[in-house]
Protein backbone atom coordinates (compact mmCIF):
# COMPACT_ATOMS: atom_id res chain seq x y z
CA MET A 1 12.85 -16.26 11.87
CA THR A 2 16.15 -14.76 10.76
CA ASP A 3 17.55 -11.31 11.44
CA GLN A 4 17.34 -8.78 8.60
CA THR A 5 20.69 -8.20 6.97
CA GLU A 6 21.79 -4.65 6.23
CA SER A 7 21.32 -5.28 2.47
CA GLU A 8 17.58 -5.90 3.10
CA ILE A 9 17.16 -2.60 4.98
CA VAL A 10 17.14 0.69 3.11
CA HIS A 11 17.02 4.08 4.76
CA ARG A 12 15.58 7.14 3.05
CA THR A 13 14.57 10.62 4.12
CA LEU A 14 11.19 11.90 3.04
CA ASP A 15 10.44 15.63 2.80
CA PRO A 16 7.89 16.40 5.54
CA ASP A 17 7.13 19.66 3.72
CA GLY A 18 6.64 17.92 0.38
CA GLU A 19 3.32 17.82 -1.44
CA ASN A 20 2.36 14.17 -0.89
CA PRO A 21 4.34 11.78 1.33
CA THR A 22 2.68 8.71 -0.15
CA VAL A 23 4.06 9.68 -3.55
CA GLN A 24 7.49 9.80 -2.01
CA ILE A 25 6.99 6.24 -0.69
CA ILE A 26 5.91 5.05 -4.14
CA GLU A 27 8.94 6.76 -5.73
CA ALA A 28 11.24 5.05 -3.24
CA ILE A 29 9.71 1.63 -3.99
CA MET A 30 9.96 2.31 -7.76
CA ASP A 31 13.66 3.05 -7.27
CA LEU A 32 14.27 0.02 -5.08
CA GLU A 33 12.40 -2.40 -7.31
CA GLY A 34 13.16 -0.84 -10.72
CA VAL A 35 9.47 -0.69 -11.62
CA ASP A 36 6.99 1.90 -12.87
CA SER A 37 4.22 3.21 -10.63
CA THR A 38 1.68 1.37 -12.77
CA ASP A 39 3.30 -1.91 -11.67
CA LEU A 40 2.57 -1.15 -7.97
CA PRO A 41 -0.66 -1.67 -6.07
CA THR A 42 -2.51 1.30 -4.69
CA ILE A 43 -0.97 2.59 -1.49
CA TYR A 44 -4.11 4.36 -0.27
CA ASP A 45 -5.49 1.23 1.41
CA CYS A 46 -2.27 0.84 3.39
CA VAL A 47 -1.92 4.30 4.90
CA ASP A 48 -5.16 6.20 4.07
CA GLY A 49 -3.73 9.68 4.61
CA MET A 50 -1.87 8.88 7.86
CA LEU A 51 1.47 10.06 6.49
CA ALA A 52 0.02 13.37 5.38
CA GLU A 53 -1.45 13.84 8.84
CA LEU A 54 1.87 12.90 10.48
CA PHE A 55 3.69 15.57 8.47
CA SER A 56 1.02 18.29 8.36
CA ASN A 57 0.10 18.11 12.06
CA PRO A 58 3.10 16.56 13.75
CA PRO A 59 3.14 15.92 17.47
CA ALA A 60 5.85 17.47 19.65
CA PRO A 61 9.35 16.21 18.67
CA GLU A 62 9.71 14.45 22.05
CA ALA A 63 6.72 12.22 21.12
CA GLN A 64 8.94 10.48 18.52
CA MET A 65 5.81 9.39 16.57
CA GLU A 66 6.19 6.92 13.73
CA VAL A 67 3.89 5.10 11.34
CA GLU A 68 4.63 1.52 10.35
CA PHE A 69 2.88 -0.40 7.61
CA SER A 70 3.34 -3.05 4.94
CA TYR A 71 3.37 -2.23 1.24
CA HIS A 72 4.52 -4.17 -1.81
CA ARG A 73 6.91 -6.65 -0.14
CA TYR A 74 8.27 -4.05 2.33
CA ARG A 75 7.67 -3.21 5.98
CA ILE A 76 7.97 0.58 6.03
CA THR A 77 8.53 2.76 9.08
CA VAL A 78 8.21 6.54 8.72
CA GLU A 79 9.17 8.86 11.57
CA GLN A 80 7.68 12.29 12.08
CA ASN A 81 11.00 13.90 11.03
CA GLY A 82 10.81 12.21 7.62
CA LYS A 83 13.29 9.36 8.24
CA ALA A 84 12.00 6.21 6.59
CA LYS A 85 13.15 2.59 6.80
CA PHE A 86 12.22 0.02 4.15
CA VAL A 87 12.67 -3.62 5.16
CA LYS A 88 12.21 -6.13 2.39
CA THR A 89 9.85 -8.88 3.49
CA GLY A 90 9.42 -10.94 0.37
């Protein structure tokens, strides 16, 4: 297994107060891959509302909660403050 190079890791900030965090993930992937949303698989099966829960009912900041999941060739980590990391896996 090789270490991820910085070019394979992309950092974004999601808006925790935004309407739908999963849409923000899809938009980020669309931007990274240069594809339309219709070219992407459904994200619902990957996160099933967990991001919305993380942002709408966040734990105390000292909990440093994060959600990590795989979606469309990326391993994605989203922190409760909206920081997101996209690591290309394929």
